[in-house]
Amino acid sequence: MQPAVLRVMAPWFEEWTVAVLERLEALFEEAGFPDPGAEAGLFFAALDGVCRHFALDPEHYPLEERTRALAALWESRMPAR
């Protein structure tokens, strides 16, 4: 989150973020979610939060527990087919 680093990385990071969100949106659309763009944004934000917390305190952050919970949350929200 250092401003000098962000300035250098901004173009790459923006391109990467767009690509990830587009792929997530396609996956949520394929899964039948009514608003795949919103789901992609929410999922990406939740995953970003997990990653940030882990990066800040990897020794104490329950990464596996959080990623399992995140997967279970979206699995429980899957539209019926």
PDB file of N, CA and C in Angstrom:
ATOM      1  N   MET A   1       0.819  -1.207   0.000  1.00  0.00           N
ATOM      2  CA  MET A   1       0.000   0.000   0.000  1.00  0.00           C
ATOM      3  C   MET A   1       0.859   1.266   0.000  1.00  0.00           C
ATOM      4  N   GLN A   2       2.092   1.152  -0.403  1.00  0.00           N
ATOM      5  CA  GLN A   2       2.972   2.308  -0.463  1.00  0.00           C
ATOM      6  C   GLN A   2       2.688   3.096  -1.741  1.00  0.00           C
ATOM      7  N   PRO A   3       2.459   4.400  -1.633  1.00  0.00           N
ATOM      8  CA  PRO A   3       2.099   5.205  -2.802  1.00  0.00           C
ATOM      9  C   PRO A   3       3.074   5.073  -3.972  1.00  0.00           C
ATOM     10  N   ALA A   4       4.370   5.064  -3.720  1.00  0.00           N
ATOM     11  CA  ALA A   4       5.349   4.952  -4.807  1.00  0.00           C
ATOM     12  C   ALA A   4       5.225   3.610  -5.527  1.00  0.00           C
ATOM     13  N   VAL A   5       5.004   2.562  -4.762  1.00  0.00           N
ATOM     14  CA  VAL A   5       4.839   1.233  -5.356  1.00  0.00           C
ATOM     15  C   VAL A   5       3.529   1.172  -6.133  1.00  0.00           C
ATOM     16  N   LEU A   6       2.483   1.715  -5.571  1.00  0.00           N
ATOM     17  CA  LEU A   6       1.189   1.709  -6.242  1.00  0.00           C
ATOM     18  C   LEU A   6       1.246   2.433  -7.588  1.00  0.00           C
ATOM     19  N   ARG A   7       1.967   3.552  -7.650  1.00  0.00           N
ATOM     20  CA  ARG A   7       2.084   4.285  -8.919  1.00  0.00           C
ATOM     21  C   ARG A   7       2.741   3.421  -9.997  1.00  0.00           C
ATOM     22  N   VAL A   8       3.754   2.693  -9.603  1.00  0.00           N
ATOM     23  CA  VAL A   8       4.462   1.840 -10.559  1.00  0.00           C
ATOM     24  C   VAL A   8       3.605   0.639 -10.957  1.00  0.00           C
ATOM     25  N   MET A   9       2.923   0.065  -9.995  1.00  0.00           N
ATOM     26  CA  MET A   9       2.156  -1.161 -10.227  1.00  0.00           C
ATOM     27  C   MET A   9       0.740  -0.925 -10.736  1.00  0.00           C
ATOM     28  N   ALA A  10       0.246   0.297 -10.664  1.00  0.00           N
ATOM     29  CA  ALA A  10      -1.156   0.583 -10.980  1.00  0.00           C
ATOM     30  C   ALA A  10      -1.606   0.038 -12.335  1.00  0.00           C
ATOM     31  N   PRO A  11      -0.878   0.278 -13.423  1.00  0.00           N
ATOM     32  CA  PRO A  11      -1.358  -0.237 -14.718  1.00  0.00           C
ATOM     33  C   PRO A  11      -1.464  -1.762 -14.732  1.00  0.00           C
ATOM     34  N   TRP A  12      -0.459  -2.439 -14.225  1.00  0.00           N
ATOM     35  CA  TRP A  12      -0.496  -3.900 -14.192  1.00  0.00           C
ATOM     36  C   TRP A  12      -1.617  -4.387 -13.287  1.00  0.00           C
ATOM     37  N   PHE A  13      -1.735  -3.786 -12.105  1.00  0.00           N
ATOM     38  CA  PHE A  13      -2.733  -4.225 -11.142  1.00  0.00           C
ATOM     39  C   PHE A  13      -4.149  -4.006 -11.675  1.00  0.00           C
ATOM     40  N   GLU A  14      -4.376  -2.896 -12.339  1.00  0.00           N
ATOM     41  CA  GLU A  14      -5.703  -2.624 -12.899  1.00  0.00           C
ATOM     42  C   GLU A  14      -6.048  -3.656 -13.970  1.00  0.00           C
ATOM     43  N   GLU A  15      -5.101  -3.960 -14.828  1.00  0.00           N
ATOM     44  CA  GLU A  15      -5.331  -4.958 -15.879  1.00  0.00           C
ATOM     45  C   GLU A  15      -5.619  -6.328 -15.269  1.00  0.00           C
ATOM     46  N   TRP A  16      -4.850  -6.695 -14.257  1.00  0.00           N
ATOM     47  CA  TRP A  16      -5.039  -7.979 -13.595  1.00  0.00           C
ATOM     48  C   TRP A  16      -6.407  -8.041 -12.911  1.00  0.00           C
ATOM     49  N   THR A  17      -6.782  -6.963 -12.234  1.00  0.00           N
ATOM     50  CA  THR A  17      -8.062  -6.919 -11.528  1.00  0.00           C
ATOM     51  C   THR A  17      -9.220  -7.078 -12.501  1.00  0.00           C
ATOM     52  N   VAL A  18      -9.176  -6.383 -13.610  1.00  0.00           N
ATOM     53  CA  VAL A  18     -10.236  -6.489 -14.618  1.00  0.00           C
ATOM     54  C   VAL A  18     -10.328  -7.925 -15.129  1.00  0.00           C
ATOM     55  N   ALA A  19      -9.188  -8.536 -15.412  1.00  0.00           N
ATOM     56  CA  ALA A  19      -9.191  -9.919 -15.907  1.00  0.00           C
ATOM     57  C   ALA A  19      -9.781 -10.882 -14.882  1.00  0.00           C
ATOM     58  N   VAL A  20      -9.417 -10.721 -13.625  1.00  0.00           N
ATOM     59  CA  VAL A  20      -9.950 -11.595 -12.572  1.00  0.00           C
ATOM     60  C   VAL A  20     -11.454 -11.402 -12.439  1.00  0.00           C
ATOM     61  N   LEU A  21     -11.904 -10.160 -12.409  1.00  0.00           N
ATOM     62  CA  LEU A  21     -13.337  -9.897 -12.268  1.00  0.00           C
ATOM     63  C   LEU A  21     -14.125 -10.424 -13.466  1.00  0.00           C
ATOM     64  N   GLU A  22     -13.588 -10.288 -14.660  1.00  0.00           N
ATOM     65  CA  GLU A  22     -14.271 -10.816 -15.844  1.00  0.00           C
ATOM     66  C   GLU A  22     -14.402 -12.333 -15.770  1.00  0.00           C
ATOM     67  N   ARG A  23     -13.350 -12.996 -15.330  1.00  0.00           N
ATOM     68  CA  ARG A  23     -13.394 -14.456 -15.210  1.00  0.00           C
ATOM     69  C   ARG A  23     -14.367 -14.893 -14.124  1.00  0.00           C
ATOM     70  N   LEU A  24     -14.328 -14.217 -12.997  1.00  0.00           N
ATOM     71  CA  LEU A  24     -15.269 -14.540 -11.920  1.00  0.00           C
ATOM     72  C   LEU A  24     -16.706 -14.310 -12.373  1.00  0.00           C
ATOM     73  N   GLU A  25     -16.944 -13.209 -13.053  1.00  0.00           N
ATOM     74  CA  GLU A  25     -18.299 -12.917 -13.531  1.00  0.00           C
ATOM     75  C   GLU A  25     -18.782 -14.017 -14.477  1.00  0.00           C
ATOM     76  N   ALA A  26     -17.911 -14.467 -15.356  1.00  0.00           N
ATOM     77  CA  ALA A  26     -18.284 -15.556 -16.269  1.00  0.00           C
ATOM     78  C   ALA A  26     -18.623 -16.824 -15.490  1.00  0.00           C
ATOM     79  N   LEU A  27     -17.860 -17.118 -14.457  1.00  0.00           N
ATOM     80  CA  LEU A  27     -18.130 -18.310 -13.644  1.00  0.00           C
ATOM     81  C   LEU A  27     -19.459 -18.193 -12.897  1.00  0.00           C
ATOM     82  N   PHE A  28     -19.727 -17.022 -12.329  1.00  0.00           N
ATOM     83  CA  PHE A  28     -20.998 -16.834 -11.626  1.00  0.00           C
ATOM     84  C   PHE A  28     -22.178 -16.854 -12.595  1.00  0.00           C
ATOM     85  N   GLU A  29     -21.965 -16.352 -13.799  1.00  0.00           N
ATOM     86  CA  GLU A  29     -23.027 -16.411 -14.818  1.00  0.00           C
ATOM     87  C   GLU A  29     -23.289 -17.867 -15.197  1.00  0.00           C
ATOM     88  N   GLU A  30     -22.219 -18.618 -15.421  1.00  0.00           N
ATOM     89  CA  GLU A  30     -22.340 -20.037 -15.757  1.00  0.00           C
ATOM     90  C   GLU A  30     -23.049 -20.810 -14.654  1.00  0.00           C
ATOM     91  N   ALA A  31     -22.826 -20.411 -13.399  1.00  0.00           N
ATOM     92  CA  ALA A  31     -23.467 -21.082 -12.260  1.00  0.00           C
ATOM     93  C   ALA A  31     -24.923 -20.673 -12.093  1.00  0.00           C
ATOM     94  N   GLY A  32     -25.368 -19.653 -12.832  1.00  0.00           N
ATOM     95  CA  GLY A  32     -26.778 -19.267 -12.801  1.00  0.00           C
ATOM     96  C   GLY A  32     -27.134 -18.177 -11.813  1.00  0.00           C
ATOM     97  N   PHE A  33     -26.158 -17.452 -11.299  1.00  0.00           N
ATOM     98  CA  PHE A  33     -26.477 -16.354 -10.383  1.00  0.00           C
ATOM     99  C   PHE A  33     -27.189 -15.237 -11.144  1.00  0.00           C
ATOM    100  N   PRO A  34     -28.228 -14.643 -10.553  1.00  0.00           N
ATOM    101  CA  PRO A  34     -28.994 -13.616 -11.263  1.00  0.00           C
ATOM    102  C   PRO A  34     -28.209 -12.336 -11.546  1.00  0.00           C
ATOM    103  N   ASP A  35     -27.228 -12.000 -10.717  1.00  0.00           N
ATOM    104  CA  ASP A  35     -26.406 -10.803 -10.941  1.00  0.00           C
ATOM    105  C   ASP A  35     -24.936 -11.196 -10.821  1.00  0.00           C
ATOM    106  N   PRO A  36     -24.401 -11.825 -11.871  1.00  0.00           N
ATOM    107  CA  PRO A  36     -23.041 -12.340 -11.784  1.00  0.00           C
ATOM    108  C   PRO A  36     -21.981 -11.263 -11.564  1.00  0.00           C
ATOM    109  N   GLY A  37     -22.217 -10.059 -12.040  1.00  0.00           N
ATOM    110  CA  GLY A  37     -21.261  -8.979 -11.816  1.00  0.00           C
ATOM    111  C   GLY A  37     -21.153  -8.613 -10.344  1.00  0.00           C
ATOM    112  N   ALA A  38     -22.296  -8.537  -9.689  1.00  0.00           N
ATOM    113  CA  ALA A  38     -22.300  -8.227  -8.258  1.00  0.00           C
ATOM    114  C   ALA A  38     -21.654  -9.356  -7.461  1.00  0.00           C
ATOM    115  N   GLU A  39     -21.968 -10.596  -7.833  1.00  0.00           N
ATOM    116  CA  GLU A  39     -21.367 -11.742  -7.135  1.00  0.00           C
ATOM    117  C   GLU A  39     -19.852 -11.737  -7.302  1.00  0.00           C
ATOM    118  N   ALA A  40     -19.390 -11.452  -8.508  1.00  0.00           N
ATOM    119  CA  ALA A  40     -17.949 -11.415  -8.765  1.00  0.00           C
ATOM    120  C   ALA A  40     -17.282 -10.352  -7.899  1.00  0.00           C
ATOM    121  N   GLY A  41     -17.882  -9.176  -7.824  1.00  0.00           N
ATOM    122  CA  GLY A  41     -17.320  -8.106  -7.011  1.00  0.00           C
ATOM    123  C   GLY A  41     -17.289  -8.441  -5.540  1.00  0.00           C
ATOM    124  N   LEU A  42     -18.367  -9.033  -5.046  1.00  0.00           N
ATOM    125  CA  LEU A  42     -18.417  -9.410  -3.630  1.00  0.00           C
ATOM    126  C   LEU A  42     -17.416 -10.510  -3.312  1.00  0.00           C
ATOM    127  N   PHE A  43     -17.348 -11.508  -4.170  1.00  0.00           N
ATOM    128  CA  PHE A  43     -16.418 -12.609  -3.941  1.00  0.00           C
ATOM    129  C   PHE A  43     -14.974 -12.111  -3.977  1.00  0.00           C
ATOM    130  N   PHE A  44     -14.662 -11.275  -4.959  1.00  0.00           N
ATOM    131  CA  PHE A  44     -13.309 -10.741  -5.078  1.00  0.00           C
ATOM    132  C   PHE A  44     -12.949  -9.911  -3.844  1.00  0.00           C
ATOM    133  N   ALA A  45     -13.888  -9.105  -3.364  1.00  0.00           N
ATOM    134  CA  ALA A  45     -13.635  -8.290  -2.180  1.00  0.00           C
ATOM    135  C   ALA A  45     -13.421  -9.174  -0.947  1.00  0.00           C
ATOM    136  N   ALA A  46     -14.217 -10.217  -0.807  1.00  0.00           N
ATOM    137  CA  ALA A  46     -14.056 -11.123   0.334  1.00  0.00           C
ATOM    138  C   ALA A  46     -12.712 -11.841   0.268  1.00  0.00           C
ATOM    139  N   LEU A  47     -12.362 -12.319  -0.904  1.00  0.00           N
ATOM    140  CA  LEU A  47     -11.088 -13.006  -1.071  1.00  0.00           C
ATOM    141  C   LEU A  47      -9.916 -12.055  -0.833  1.00  0.00           C
ATOM    142  N   ASP A  48     -10.051 -10.821  -1.295  1.00  0.00           N
ATOM    143  CA  ASP A  48      -9.024  -9.805  -1.053  1.00  0.00           C
ATOM    144  C   ASP A  48      -8.841  -9.578   0.445  1.00  0.00           C
ATOM    145  N   GLY A  49      -9.945  -9.531   1.177  1.00  0.00           N
ATOM    146  CA  GLY A  49      -9.860  -9.358   2.626  1.00  0.00           C
ATOM    147  C   GLY A  49      -9.151 -10.511   3.297  1.00  0.00           C
ATOM    148  N   VAL A  50      -9.460 -11.722   2.879  1.00  0.00           N
ATOM    149  CA  VAL A  50      -8.785 -12.899   3.435  1.00  0.00           C
ATOM    150  C   VAL A  50      -7.282 -12.803   3.167  1.00  0.00           C
ATOM    151  N   CYS A  51      -6.929 -12.458   1.943  1.00  0.00           N
ATOM    152  CA  CYS A  51      -5.508 -12.362   1.578  1.00  0.00           C
ATOM    153  C   CYS A  51      -4.793 -11.277   2.378  1.00  0.00           C
ATOM    154  N   ARG A  52      -5.438 -10.146   2.549  1.00  0.00           N
ATOM    155  CA  ARG A  52      -4.809  -9.049   3.300  1.00  0.00           C
ATOM    156  C   ARG A  52      -4.594  -9.423   4.768  1.00  0.00           C
ATOM    157  N   HIS A  53      -5.607 -10.030   5.368  1.00  0.00           N
ATOM    158  CA  HIS A  53      -5.464 -10.421   6.773  1.00  0.00           C
ATOM    159  C   HIS A  53      -4.358 -11.462   6.937  1.00  0.00           C
ATOM    160  N   PHE A  54      -4.294 -12.401   6.006  1.00  0.00           N
ATOM    161  CA  PHE A  54      -3.238 -13.406   6.058  1.00  0.00           C
ATOM    162  C   PHE A  54      -1.858 -12.754   5.896  1.00  0.00           C
ATOM    163  N   ALA A  55      -1.757 -11.811   4.968  1.00  0.00           N
ATOM    164  CA  ALA A  55      -0.480 -11.128   4.735  1.00  0.00           C
ATOM    165  C   ALA A  55      -0.031 -10.344   5.973  1.00  0.00           C
ATOM    166  N   LEU A  56      -0.980  -9.793   6.718  1.00  0.00           N
ATOM    167  CA  LEU A  56      -0.642  -9.004   7.891  1.00  0.00           C
ATOM    168  C   LEU A  56      -0.228  -9.857   9.094  1.00  0.00           C
ATOM    169  N   ASP A  57      -0.776 -11.072   9.176  1.00  0.00           N
ATOM    170  CA  ASP A  57      -0.465 -11.910  10.341  1.00  0.00           C
ATOM    171  C   ASP A  57      -0.534 -13.390   9.968  1.00  0.00           C
ATOM    172  N   PRO A  58       0.373 -13.853   9.117  1.00  0.00           N
ATOM    173  CA  PRO A  58       0.288 -15.233   8.629  1.00  0.00           C
ATOM    174  C   PRO A  58       0.414 -16.303   9.717  1.00  0.00           C
ATOM    175  N   GLU A  59       1.101 -15.987  10.803  1.00  0.00           N
ATOM    176  CA  GLU A  59       1.267 -16.977  11.865  1.00  0.00           C
ATOM    177  C   GLU A  59      -0.018 -17.255  12.637  1.00  0.00           C
ATOM    178  N   HIS A  60      -0.899 -16.263  12.703  1.00  0.00           N
ATOM    179  CA  HIS A  60      -2.100 -16.410  13.527  1.00  0.00           C
ATOM    180  C   HIS A  60      -3.406 -16.418  12.735  1.00  0.00           C
ATOM    181  N   TYR A  61      -3.336 -16.107  11.459  1.00  0.00           N
ATOM    182  CA  TYR A  61      -4.569 -16.034  10.679  1.00  0.00           C
ATOM    183  C   TYR A  61      -4.969 -17.431  10.208  1.00  0.00           C
ATOM    184  N   PRO A  62      -6.202 -17.845  10.480  1.00  0.00           N
ATOM    185  CA  PRO A  62      -6.651 -19.191  10.097  1.00  0.00           C
ATOM    186  C   PRO A  62      -7.055 -19.244   8.615  1.00  0.00           C
ATOM    187  N   LEU A  63      -6.068 -19.255   7.746  1.00  0.00           N
ATOM    188  CA  LEU A  63      -6.301 -19.176   6.309  1.00  0.00           C
ATOM    189  C   LEU A  63      -7.191 -20.298   5.784  1.00  0.00           C
ATOM    190  N   GLU A  64      -6.874 -21.526   6.128  1.00  0.00           N
ATOM    191  CA  GLU A  64      -7.674 -22.652   5.626  1.00  0.00           C
ATOM    192  C   GLU A  64      -9.113 -22.571   6.113  1.00  0.00           C
ATOM    193  N   GLU A  65      -9.302 -22.217   7.357  1.00  0.00           N
ATOM    194  CA  GLU A  65     -10.649 -22.076   7.910  1.00  0.00           C
ATOM    195  C   GLU A  65     -11.431 -21.002   7.156  1.00  0.00           C
ATOM    196  N   ARG A  66     -10.784 -19.879   6.910  1.00  0.00           N
ATOM    197  CA  ARG A  66     -11.469 -18.774   6.224  1.00  0.00           C
ATOM    198  C   ARG A  66     -11.784 -19.109   4.770  1.00  0.00           C
ATOM    199  N   THR A  67     -10.856 -19.771   4.090  1.00  0.00           N
ATOM    200  CA  THR A  67     -11.130 -20.104   2.686  1.00  0.00           C
ATOM    201  C   THR A  67     -12.218 -21.169   2.579  1.00  0.00           C
ATOM    202  N   ARG A  68     -12.245 -22.111   3.523  1.00  0.00           N
ATOM    203  CA  ARG A  68     -13.336 -23.094   3.533  1.00  0.00           C
ATOM    204  C   ARG A  68     -14.679 -22.413   3.793  1.00  0.00           C
ATOM    205  N   ALA A  69     -14.692 -21.467   4.728  1.00  0.00           N
ATOM    206  CA  ALA A  69     -15.931 -20.747   5.044  1.00  0.00           C
ATOM    207  C   ALA A  69     -16.404 -19.920   3.852  1.00  0.00           C
ATOM    208  N   LEU A  70     -15.471 -19.301   3.166  1.00  0.00           N
ATOM    209  CA  LEU A  70     -15.828 -18.515   1.992  1.00  0.00           C
ATOM    210  C   LEU A  70     -16.424 -19.401   0.900  1.00  0.00           C
ATOM    211  N   ALA A  71     -15.801 -20.534   0.660  1.00  0.00           N
ATOM    212  CA  ALA A  71     -16.323 -21.471  -0.336  1.00  0.00           C
ATOM    213  C   ALA A  71     -17.702 -21.985   0.080  1.00  0.00           C
ATOM    214  N   ALA A  72     -17.891 -22.304   1.346  1.00  0.00           N
ATOM    215  CA  ALA A  72     -19.183 -22.803   1.833  1.00  0.00           C
ATOM    216  C   ALA A  72     -20.264 -21.740   1.716  1.00  0.00           C
ATOM    217  N   LEU A  73     -19.901 -20.511   1.980  1.00  0.00           N
ATOM    218  CA  LEU A  73     -20.879 -19.421   1.864  1.00  0.00           C
ATOM    219  C   LEU A  73     -21.405 -19.320   0.444  1.00  0.00           C
ATOM    220  N   TRP A  74     -20.508 -19.299  -0.531  1.00  0.00           N
ATOM    221  CA  TRP A  74     -20.984 -19.175  -1.916  1.00  0.00           C
ATOM    222  C   TRP A  74     -21.650 -20.455  -2.395  1.00  0.00           C
ATOM    223  N   GLU A  75     -21.206 -21.584  -1.918  1.00  0.00           N
ATOM    224  CA  GLU A  75     -21.873 -22.837  -2.281  1.00  0.00           C
ATOM    225  C   GLU A  75     -23.319 -22.840  -1.787  1.00  0.00           C
ATOM    226  N   SER A  76     -23.529 -22.294  -0.577  1.00  0.00           N
ATOM    227  CA  SER A  76     -24.889 -22.253  -0.027  1.00  0.00           C
ATOM    228  C   SER A  76     -25.783 -21.276  -0.778  1.00  0.00           C
ATOM    229  N   ARG A  77     -25.186 -20.338  -1.497  1.00  0.00           N
ATOM    230  CA  ARG A  77     -25.948 -19.352  -2.246  1.00  0.00           C
ATOM    231  C   ARG A  77     -26.175 -19.747  -3.707  1.00  0.00           C
ATOM    232  N   MET A  78     -25.666 -20.906  -4.083  1.00  0.00           N
ATOM    233  CA  MET A  78     -25.798 -21.339  -5.479  1.00  0.00           C
ATOM    234  C   MET A  78     -27.273 -21.425  -5.867  1.00  0.00           C
ATOM    235  N   PRO A  79     -27.612 -20.875  -7.009  1.00  0.00           N
ATOM    236  CA  PRO A  79     -28.990 -20.978  -7.472  1.00  0.00           C
ATOM    237  C   PRO A  79     -29.361 -22.431  -7.762  1.00  0.00           C
ATOM    238  N   ALA A  80     -30.604 -22.764  -7.523  1.00  0.00           N
ATOM    239  CA  ALA A  80     -31.093 -24.109  -7.821  1.00  0.00           C
ATOM    240  C   ALA A  80     -31.139 -24.291  -9.340  1.00  0.00           C
ATOM    241  N   ARG A  81     -30.785 -25.454  -9.772  1.00  0.00           N
ATOM    242  CA  ARG A  81     -30.818 -25.726 -11.216  1.00  0.00           C
ATOM    243  C   ARG A  81     -31.773 -26.840 -11.512  1.00  0.00           C
TER     244      ARG A  81
END
